[in-house]
C-alpha atoms as a PDB file:
ATOM      1  CA  UNK A   1    -111.874 -70.878 -61.733  1.00  0.00           C
ATOM      2  CA  UNK A   2    -108.966 -70.259 -59.357  1.00  0.00           C
ATOM      3  CA  UNK A   3    -110.358 -66.870 -58.345  1.00  0.00           C
ATOM      4  CA  UNK A   4    -113.818 -68.337 -57.783  1.00  0.00           C
ATOM      5  CA  UNK A   5    -112.443 -71.040 -55.507  1.00  0.00           C
ATOM      6  CA  UNK A   6    -110.449 -68.497 -53.502  1.00  0.00           C
ATOM      7  CA  UNK A   7    -113.463 -66.214 -53.210  1.00  0.00           C
ATOM      8  CA  UNK A   8    -115.883 -68.937 -52.188  1.00  0.00           C
ATOM      9  CA  UNK A   9    -113.706 -71.342 -50.219  1.00  0.00           C
ATOM     10  CA  UNK A  10    -110.832 -69.084 -49.129  1.00  0.00           C
ATOM     11  CA  UNK A  11    -112.232 -68.405 -45.632  1.00  0.00           C
ATOM     12  CA  UNK A  12    -112.882 -72.133 -45.152  1.00  0.00           C
ATOM     13  CA  UNK A  13    -109.329 -73.019 -46.172  1.00  0.00           C
ATOM     14  CA  UNK A  14    -107.902 -70.293 -43.922  1.00  0.00           C
ATOM     15  CA  UNK A  15    -109.923 -71.651 -41.014  1.00  0.00           C
ATOM     16  CA  UNK A  16    -108.573 -75.117 -41.804  1.00  0.00           C
ATOM     17  CA  UNK A  17    -105.032 -73.730 -41.814  1.00  0.00           C
ATOM     18  CA  UNK A  18    -105.764 -72.292 -38.374  1.00  0.00           C
ATOM     19  CA  UNK A  19    -106.859 -75.758 -37.225  1.00  0.00           C
ATOM     20  CA  UNK A  20    -103.669 -77.179 -38.696  1.00  0.00           C
ATOM     21  CA  UNK A  21    -101.515 -74.684 -36.799  1.00  0.00           C
ATOM     22  CA  UNK A  22    -103.499 -75.334 -33.600  1.00  0.00           C
ATOM     23  CA  UNK A  23    -102.944 -79.076 -33.913  1.00  0.00           C
ATOM     24  CA  UNK A  24     -99.241 -78.609 -34.661  1.00  0.00           C
ATOM     25  CA  UNK A  25     -98.789 -76.246 -31.687  1.00  0.00           C
ATOM     26  CA  UNK A  26    -100.635 -78.581 -29.305  1.00  0.00           C
ATOM     27  CA  UNK A  27     -98.573 -81.512 -30.539  1.00  0.00           C
ATOM     28  CA  UNK A  28     -95.308 -79.573 -30.204  1.00  0.00           C
ATOM     29  CA  UNK A  29     -96.196 -78.351 -26.694  1.00  0.00           C
ATOM     30  CA  UNK A  30     -96.679 -81.853 -25.342  1.00  0.00           C
ATOM     31  CA  UNK A  31     -93.787 -83.127 -27.458  1.00  0.00           C
ATOM     32  CA  UNK A  32     -91.489 -80.659 -25.690  1.00  0.00           C
ATOM     33  CA  UNK A  33     -92.607 -82.042 -22.340  1.00  0.00           C
ATOM     34  CA  UNK A  34     -92.043 -85.634 -23.461  1.00  0.00           C
ATOM     35  CA  UNK A  35     -88.790 -84.690 -25.151  1.00  0.00           C
ATOM     36  CA  UNK A  36     -87.514 -82.990 -22.006  1.00  0.00           C
ATOM     37  CA  UNK A  37     -88.392 -85.991 -19.832  1.00  0.00           C
ATOM     38  CA  UNK A  38     -86.846 -88.622 -22.100  1.00  0.00           C
ATOM     39  CA  UNK A  39     -83.997 -86.339 -23.162  1.00  0.00           C
ATOM     40  CA  UNK A  40     -82.962 -85.905 -19.537  1.00  0.00           C
ATOM     41  CA  UNK A  41     -83.399 -89.616 -18.909  1.00  0.00           C
ATOM     42  CA  UNK A  42     -80.962 -90.318 -21.731  1.00  0.00           C
ATOM     43  CA  UNK A  43     -78.143 -88.253 -20.190  1.00  0.00           C
ATOM     44  CA  UNK A  44     -78.430 -89.072 -16.488  1.00  0.00           C
ATOM     45  CA  UNK A  45     -76.068 -91.645 -15.012  1.00  0.00           C
ATOM     46  CA  UNK A  46     -78.713 -94.328 -14.675  1.00  0.00           C
ATOM     47  CA  UNK A  47     -78.736 -97.430 -16.849  1.00  0.00           C
ATOM     48  CA  UNK A  48     -82.464 -97.951 -16.275  1.00  0.00           C
ATOM     49  CA  UNK A  49     -83.353 -94.388 -17.349  1.00  0.00           C
ATOM     50  CA  UNK A  50     -81.067 -94.657 -20.382  1.00  0.00           C
ATOM     51  CA  UNK A  51     -82.716 -97.906 -21.494  1.00  0.00           C
ATOM     52  CA  UNK A  52     -86.252 -96.561 -21.005  1.00  0.00           C
ATOM     53  CA  UNK A  53     -85.417 -93.462 -23.024  1.00  0.00           C
ATOM     54  CA  UNK A  54     -83.807 -95.520 -25.793  1.00  0.00           C
ATOM     55  CA  UNK A  55     -86.809 -97.867 -26.005  1.00  0.00           C
ATOM     56  CA  UNK A  56     -89.251 -94.942 -26.226  1.00  0.00           C
ATOM     57  CA  UNK A  57     -87.263 -93.174 -28.951  1.00  0.00           C
ATOM     58  CA  UNK A  58     -86.622 -96.335 -30.988  1.00  0.00           C
ATOM     59  CA  UNK A  59     -90.194 -97.639 -30.782  1.00  0.00           C
ATOM     60  CA  UNK A  60     -91.905 -94.353 -31.656  1.00  0.00           C
ATOM     61  CA  UNK A  61     -89.445 -93.471 -34.417  1.00  0.00           C
ATOM     62  CA  UNK A  62     -89.869 -96.980 -35.808  1.00  0.00           C
ATOM     63  CA  UNK A  63     -93.646 -96.606 -36.189  1.00  0.00           C
ATOM     64  CA  UNK A  64     -95.119 -94.852 -39.236  1.00  0.00           C
ATOM     65  CA  UNK A  65     -97.137 -91.800 -38.257  1.00  0.00           C
ATOM     66  CA  UNK A  66    -100.217 -93.235 -39.995  1.00  0.00           C
ATOM     67  CA  UNK A  67    -100.095 -96.454 -37.953  1.00  0.00           C
ATOM     68  CA  UNK A  68     -99.624 -94.467 -34.744  1.00  0.00           C
ATOM     69  CA  UNK A  69    -102.621 -92.251 -35.554  1.00  0.00           C
ATOM     70  CA  UNK A  70    -104.855 -95.240 -36.349  1.00  0.00           C
ATOM     71  CA  UNK A  71    -103.791 -97.060 -33.177  1.00  0.00           C
ATOM     72  CA  UNK A  72    -104.525 -94.087 -30.931  1.00  0.00           C
ATOM     73  CA  UNK A  73    -107.813 -93.124 -32.580  1.00  0.00           C
ATOM     74  CA  UNK A  74    -109.259 -96.612 -33.165  1.00  0.00           C
ATOM     75  CA  UNK A  75    -107.130 -99.102 -31.241  1.00  0.00           C
ATOM     76  CA  UNK A  76    -106.659 -97.399 -27.885  1.00  0.00           C
ATOM     77  CA  UNK A  77    -110.404 -96.849 -27.189  1.00  0.00           C
ATOM     78  CA  UNK A  78    -110.998-100.505 -28.089  1.00  0.00           C
ATOM     79  CA  UNK A  79    -108.260-101.521 -25.640  1.00  0.00           C
ATOM     80  CA  UNK A  80    -109.920 -99.450 -22.903  1.00  0.00           C
ATOM     81  CA  UNK A  81    -113.307-101.020 -23.691  1.00  0.00           C
ATOM     82  CA  UNK A  82    -111.727-104.470 -23.452  1.00  0.00           C
ATOM     83  CA  UNK A  83    -110.189-103.730 -20.066  1.00  0.00           C
ATOM     84  CA  UNK A  84    -113.241-101.927 -18.729  1.00  0.00           C
ATOM     85  CA  UNK A  85    -116.413-103.369 -20.325  1.00  0.00           C
ATOM     86  CA  UNK A  86    -119.249-100.890 -20.559  1.00  0.00           C
ATOM     87  CA  UNK A  87    -116.881 -97.928 -20.618  1.00  0.00           C
ATOM     88  CA  UNK A  88    -117.707 -95.497 -23.422  1.00  0.00           C
ATOM     89  CA  UNK A  89    -114.245 -94.003 -23.682  1.00  0.00           C
ATOM     90  CA  UNK A  90    -113.636 -92.288 -27.029  1.00  0.00           C
ATOM     91  CA  UNK A  91    -111.126 -89.780 -28.349  1.00  0.00           C
ATOM     92  CA  UNK A  92    -111.962 -86.838 -30.562  1.00  0.00           C
ATOM     93  CA  UNK A  93    -109.895 -86.384 -33.691  1.00  0.00           C
ATOM     94  CA  UNK A  94    -108.183 -83.386 -32.064  1.00  0.00           C
ATOM     95  CA  UNK A  95    -107.267 -85.379 -28.954  1.00  0.00           C
ATOM     96  CA  UNK A  96    -106.055 -88.384 -30.921  1.00  0.00           C
ATOM     97  CA  UNK A  97    -104.183 -86.172 -33.369  1.00  0.00           C
ATOM     98  CA  UNK A  98    -102.492 -84.260 -30.564  1.00  0.00           C
ATOM     99  CA  UNK A  99    -101.401 -87.469 -28.846  1.00  0.00           C
ATOM    100  CA  UNK A 100    -100.102 -88.953 -32.094  1.00  0.00           C
ATOM    101  CA  UNK A 101     -98.151 -85.817 -32.955  1.00  0.00           C
ATOM    102  CA  UNK A 102     -96.864 -85.426 -29.400  1.00  0.00           C
ATOM    103  CA  UNK A 103     -95.542 -88.987 -29.301  1.00  0.00           C
ATOM    104  CA  UNK A 104     -94.026 -88.838 -32.777  1.00  0.00           C
ATOM    105  CA  UNK A 105     -92.507 -85.402 -32.325  1.00  0.00           C
ATOM    106  CA  UNK A 106     -91.555 -86.161 -28.710  1.00  0.00           C
ATOM    107  CA  UNK A 107     -89.218 -88.941 -29.782  1.00  0.00           C
ATOM    108  CA  UNK A 108     -87.339 -86.555 -32.057  1.00  0.00           C
ATOM    109  CA  UNK A 109     -87.428 -83.790 -29.455  1.00  0.00           C
ATOM    110  CA  UNK A 110     -85.810 -86.172 -26.966  1.00  0.00           C
ATOM    111  CA  UNK A 111     -82.885 -86.575 -29.349  1.00  0.00           C
ATOM    112  CA  UNK A 112     -82.690 -82.810 -29.931  1.00  0.00           C
ATOM    113  CA  UNK A 113     -82.619 -82.156 -26.184  1.00  0.00           C
ATOM    114  CA  UNK A 114     -80.086 -84.927 -25.579  1.00  0.00           C
ATOM    115  CA  UNK A 115     -77.789 -83.511 -28.257  1.00  0.00           C
ATOM    116  CA  UNK A 116     -78.283 -79.976 -26.902  1.00  0.00           C
ATOM    117  CA  UNK A 117     -77.340 -81.007 -23.369  1.00  0.00           C
ATOM    118  CA  UNK A 118     -74.326 -82.966 -24.567  1.00  0.00           C
ATOM    119  CA  UNK A 119     -73.156 -79.969 -26.602  1.00  0.00           C
ATOM    120  CA  UNK A 120     -72.599 -78.022 -23.362  1.00  0.00           C
ATOM    121  CA  UNK A 121     -69.064 -78.426 -22.076  1.00  0.00           C
ATOM    122  CA  UNK A 122     -68.921 -80.972 -19.261  1.00  0.00           C
ATOM    123  CA  UNK A 123     -66.861 -78.497 -17.262  1.00  0.00           C
ATOM    124  CA  UNK A 124     -70.010 -76.404 -16.783  1.00  0.00           C
ATOM    125  CA  UNK A 125     -71.700 -79.173 -14.831  1.00  0.00           C
ATOM    126  CA  UNK A 126     -68.511 -79.974 -12.909  1.00  0.00           C
ATOM    127  CA  UNK A 127     -68.053 -76.312 -11.958  1.00  0.00           C
ATOM    128  CA  UNK A 128     -71.666 -76.047 -10.789  1.00  0.00           C
ATOM    129  CA  UNK A 129     -71.359 -79.214  -8.718  1.00  0.00           C
ATOM    130  CA  UNK A 130     -68.110 -77.982  -7.192  1.00  0.00           C
ATOM    131  CA  UNK A 131     -69.983 -74.912  -5.969  1.00  0.00           C
ATOM    132  CA  UNK A 132     -72.358 -77.166  -4.067  1.00  0.00           C
ATOM    133  CA  UNK A 133     -75.315 -77.240  -6.465  1.00  0.00           C
ATOM    134  CA  UNK A 134     -77.230 -80.556  -6.601  1.00  0.00           C
ATOM    135  CA  UNK A 135     -77.215 -82.339  -9.971  1.00  0.00           C
ATOM    136  CA  UNK A 136     -80.751 -81.361 -11.009  1.00  0.00           C
ATOM    137  CA  UNK A 137     -80.308 -77.786  -9.796  1.00  0.00           C
ATOM    138  CA  UNK A 138     -77.099 -77.505 -11.812  1.00  0.00           C
ATOM    139  CA  UNK A 139     -78.896 -78.949 -14.833  1.00  0.00           C
ATOM    140  CA  UNK A 140     -81.761 -76.463 -14.435  1.00  0.00           C
ATOM    141  CA  UNK A 141     -79.699 -73.351 -13.695  1.00  0.00           C
ATOM    142  CA  UNK A 142     -76.499 -73.910 -15.649  1.00  0.00           C
ATOM    143  CA  UNK A 143     -76.698 -76.582 -18.365  1.00  0.00           C
ATOM    144  CA  UNK A 144     -80.238 -76.281 -19.755  1.00  0.00           C
ATOM    145  CA  UNK A 145     -80.159 -72.476 -20.310  1.00  0.00           C
ATOM    146  CA  UNK A 146     -77.029 -72.924 -22.443  1.00  0.00           C
ATOM    147  CA  UNK A 147     -78.406 -75.998 -24.217  1.00  0.00           C
ATOM    148  CA  UNK A 148     -81.701 -74.312 -25.113  1.00  0.00           C
ATOM    149  CA  UNK A 149     -79.867 -71.680 -27.152  1.00  0.00           C
ATOM    150  CA  UNK A 150     -78.423 -74.363 -29.413  1.00  0.00           C
ATOM    151  CA  UNK A 151     -81.718 -76.251 -29.574  1.00  0.00           C
ATOM    152  CA  UNK A 152     -83.957 -73.392 -30.756  1.00  0.00           C
ATOM    153  CA  UNK A 153     -83.269 -73.741 -34.522  1.00  0.00           C
ATOM    154  CA  UNK A 154     -83.750 -77.516 -34.341  1.00  0.00           C
ATOM    155  CA  UNK A 155     -86.997 -77.090 -32.388  1.00  0.00           C
ATOM    156  CA  UNK A 156     -88.331 -74.680 -35.030  1.00  0.00           C
ATOM    157  CA  UNK A 157     -87.358 -77.139 -37.770  1.00  0.00           C
ATOM    158  CA  UNK A 158     -89.118 -79.904 -35.872  1.00  0.00           C
ATOM    159  CA  UNK A 159     -92.222 -77.718 -35.669  1.00  0.00           C
ATOM    160  CA  UNK A 160     -92.105 -77.391 -39.468  1.00  0.00           C
ATOM    161  CA  UNK A 161     -91.930 -81.183 -39.798  1.00  0.00           C
ATOM    162  CA  UNK A 162     -94.798 -81.552 -37.316  1.00  0.00           C
ATOM    163  CA  UNK A 163     -96.836 -79.030 -39.294  1.00  0.00           C
ATOM    164  CA  UNK A 164     -96.375 -81.137 -42.417  1.00  0.00           C
ATOM    165  CA  UNK A 165     -97.254 -84.315 -40.505  1.00  0.00           C
ATOM    166  CA  UNK A 166    -100.672 -82.897 -39.599  1.00  0.00           C
ATOM    167  CA  UNK A 167    -101.753 -83.691 -43.168  1.00  0.00           C
ATOM    168  CA  UNK A 168    -101.545 -87.389 -42.294  1.00  0.00           C
ATOM    169  CA  UNK A 169    -104.199 -86.890 -39.616  1.00  0.00           C
ATOM    170  CA  UNK A 170    -106.823 -86.206 -42.254  1.00  0.00           C
ATOM    171  CA  UNK A 171    -107.325 -89.998 -42.169  1.00  0.00           C
ATOM    172  CA  UNK A 172    -108.932 -89.755 -38.718  1.00  0.00           C
ATOM    173  CA  UNK A 173    -111.256 -86.961 -39.760  1.00  0.00           C
ATOM    174  CA  UNK A 174    -109.606 -83.953 -38.183  1.00  0.00           C
ATOM    175  CA  UNK A 175    -110.655 -80.831 -40.168  1.00  0.00           C
ATOM    176  CA  UNK A 176    -107.111 -79.689 -40.972  1.00  0.00           C
ATOM    177  CA  UNK A 177    -106.121 -78.201 -44.309  1.00  0.00           C
ATOM    178  CA  UNK A 178    -105.727 -81.397 -46.346  1.00  0.00           C
ATOM    179  CA  UNK A 179    -109.008 -82.904 -45.114  1.00  0.00           C
ATOM    180  CA  UNK A 180    -110.856 -79.670 -45.856  1.00  0.00           C
ATOM    181  CA  UNK A 181    -109.218 -79.447 -49.273  1.00  0.00           C
ATOM    182  CA  UNK A 182    -110.513 -82.931 -50.123  1.00  0.00           C
ATOM    183  CA  UNK A 183    -114.053 -81.715 -49.465  1.00  0.00           C
ATOM    184  CA  UNK A 184    -113.487 -78.599 -51.569  1.00  0.00           C
ATOM    185  CA  UNK A 185    -112.174 -80.753 -54.429  1.00  0.00           C
ATOM    186  CA  UNK A 186    -115.283 -82.930 -54.188  1.00  0.00           C
ATOM    187  CA  UNK A 187    -117.490 -79.826 -54.447  1.00  0.00           C
ATOM    188  CA  UNK A 188    -115.591 -78.036 -57.206  1.00  0.00           C
ATOM    189  CA  UNK A 189    -114.237 -80.967 -59.226  1.00  0.00           C
ATOM    190  CA  UNK A 190    -111.081 -78.908 -59.705  1.00  0.00           C
ATOM    191  CA  UNK A 191    -108.232 -80.764 -57.993  1.00  0.00           C
ATOM    192  CA  UNK A 192    -105.438 -78.807 -59.701  1.00  0.00           C
ATOM    193  CA  UNK A 193    -106.652 -75.405 -58.514  1.00  0.00           C
ATOM    194  CA  UNK A 194    -107.520 -76.544 -54.988  1.00  0.00           C
ATOM    195  CA  UNK A 195    -104.260 -78.364 -54.356  1.00  0.00           C
ATOM    196  CA  UNK A 196    -102.348 -75.462 -55.902  1.00  0.00           C
ATOM    197  CA  UNK A 197    -103.935 -73.106 -53.363  1.00  0.00           C
ATOM    198  CA  UNK A 198    -103.223 -75.529 -50.511  1.00  0.00           C
ATOM    199  CA  UNK A 199     -99.622 -75.909 -51.648  1.00  0.00           C
ATOM    200  CA  UNK A 200     -99.138 -72.142 -51.701  1.00  0.00           C
ATOM    201  CA  UNK A 201    -100.636 -71.830 -48.208  1.00  0.00           C
ATOM    202  CA  UNK A 202     -98.279 -74.458 -46.812  1.00  0.00           C
ATOM    203  CA  UNK A 203     -95.354 -72.893 -48.674  1.00  0.00           C
ATOM    204  CA  UNK A 204     -96.008 -69.434 -47.211  1.00  0.00           C
ATOM    205  CA  UNK A 205     -96.272 -70.656 -43.622  1.00  0.00           C
ATOM    206  CA  UNK A 206     -93.290 -73.016 -43.851  1.00  0.00           C
ATOM    207  CA  UNK A 207     -91.131 -70.401 -45.602  1.00  0.00           C
ATOM    208  CA  UNK A 208     -91.833 -67.898 -42.801  1.00  0.00           C
ATOM    209  CA  UNK A 209     -90.919 -70.478 -40.153  1.00  0.00           C
ATOM    210  CA  UNK A 210     -87.772 -71.512 -42.049  1.00  0.00           C
ATOM    211  CA  UNK A 211     -86.632 -67.890 -42.315  1.00  0.00           C
ATOM    212  CA  UNK A 212     -87.295 -67.424 -38.611  1.00  0.00           C
ATOM    213  CA  UNK A 213     -85.189 -70.508 -37.814  1.00  0.00           C
ATOM    214  CA  UNK A 214     -82.295 -69.151 -39.903  1.00  0.00           C
ATOM    215  CA  UNK A 215     -82.492 -65.747 -38.203  1.00  0.00           C
ATOM    216  CA  UNK A 216     -82.407 -67.385 -34.771  1.00  0.00           C
ATOM    217  CA  UNK A 217     -79.473 -69.555 -35.796  1.00  0.00           C
ATOM    218  CA  UNK A 218     -77.496 -66.527 -37.001  1.00  0.00           C
ATOM    219  CA  UNK A 219     -78.180 -64.678 -33.748  1.00  0.00           C
ATOM    220  CA  UNK A 220     -77.068 -67.662 -31.701  1.00  0.00           C
ATOM    221  CA  UNK A 221     -73.894 -68.021 -33.757  1.00  0.00           C
ATOM    222  CA  UNK A 222     -73.117 -64.310 -33.323  1.00  0.00           C
ATOM    223  CA  UNK A 223     -73.627 -64.660 -29.589  1.00  0.00           C
ATOM    224  CA  UNK A 224     -70.999 -67.379 -29.454  1.00  0.00           C
ATOM    225  CA  UNK A 225     -68.372 -65.243 -31.191  1.00  0.00           C
END
């Protein structure tokens, strides 16, 4: 039975895994942008920026991913319709899923970036400023390049978490691996075999990413010696 499922539904499941990776990559891309914005806001000497960053991180991290996905996919279009009657604004499952992942992952990325920046010795910024570089130029040219090296393993680990979180988005109909697997189970009436295959697929991808993160971490540690 296992071989039959792989033979018949293997290509479909592989395509779904591709959709899962696409969603995770899109979410991580925009999460990095959000994380960079709010991460920088959390370290600048501005009380207003610090508060805004803290509110964003605390609110998003305090919301379950499922609630966030439902709000964006169902609630946000309704809000737009209420504000602009007659507007037919809708979000596709890919768009809503990307936004949900970007917001959720972005809050954690903001903390990763904040920690990465704060890990750089303050003397680096002071030395750059003493040479006449403006604050943001010093951050761009001196601090961030050093911080990124320490952030890479954490960013890869966050991508792994984001990849796992895509399974939650099956509730809004996005054809990722879990949603596709549900349909295969309904057709084959063999939940054990289908979920075993899906588990192995996730395990292979996540193991590769985990190994990559460890290799990068070792290289970074050697570079510091």
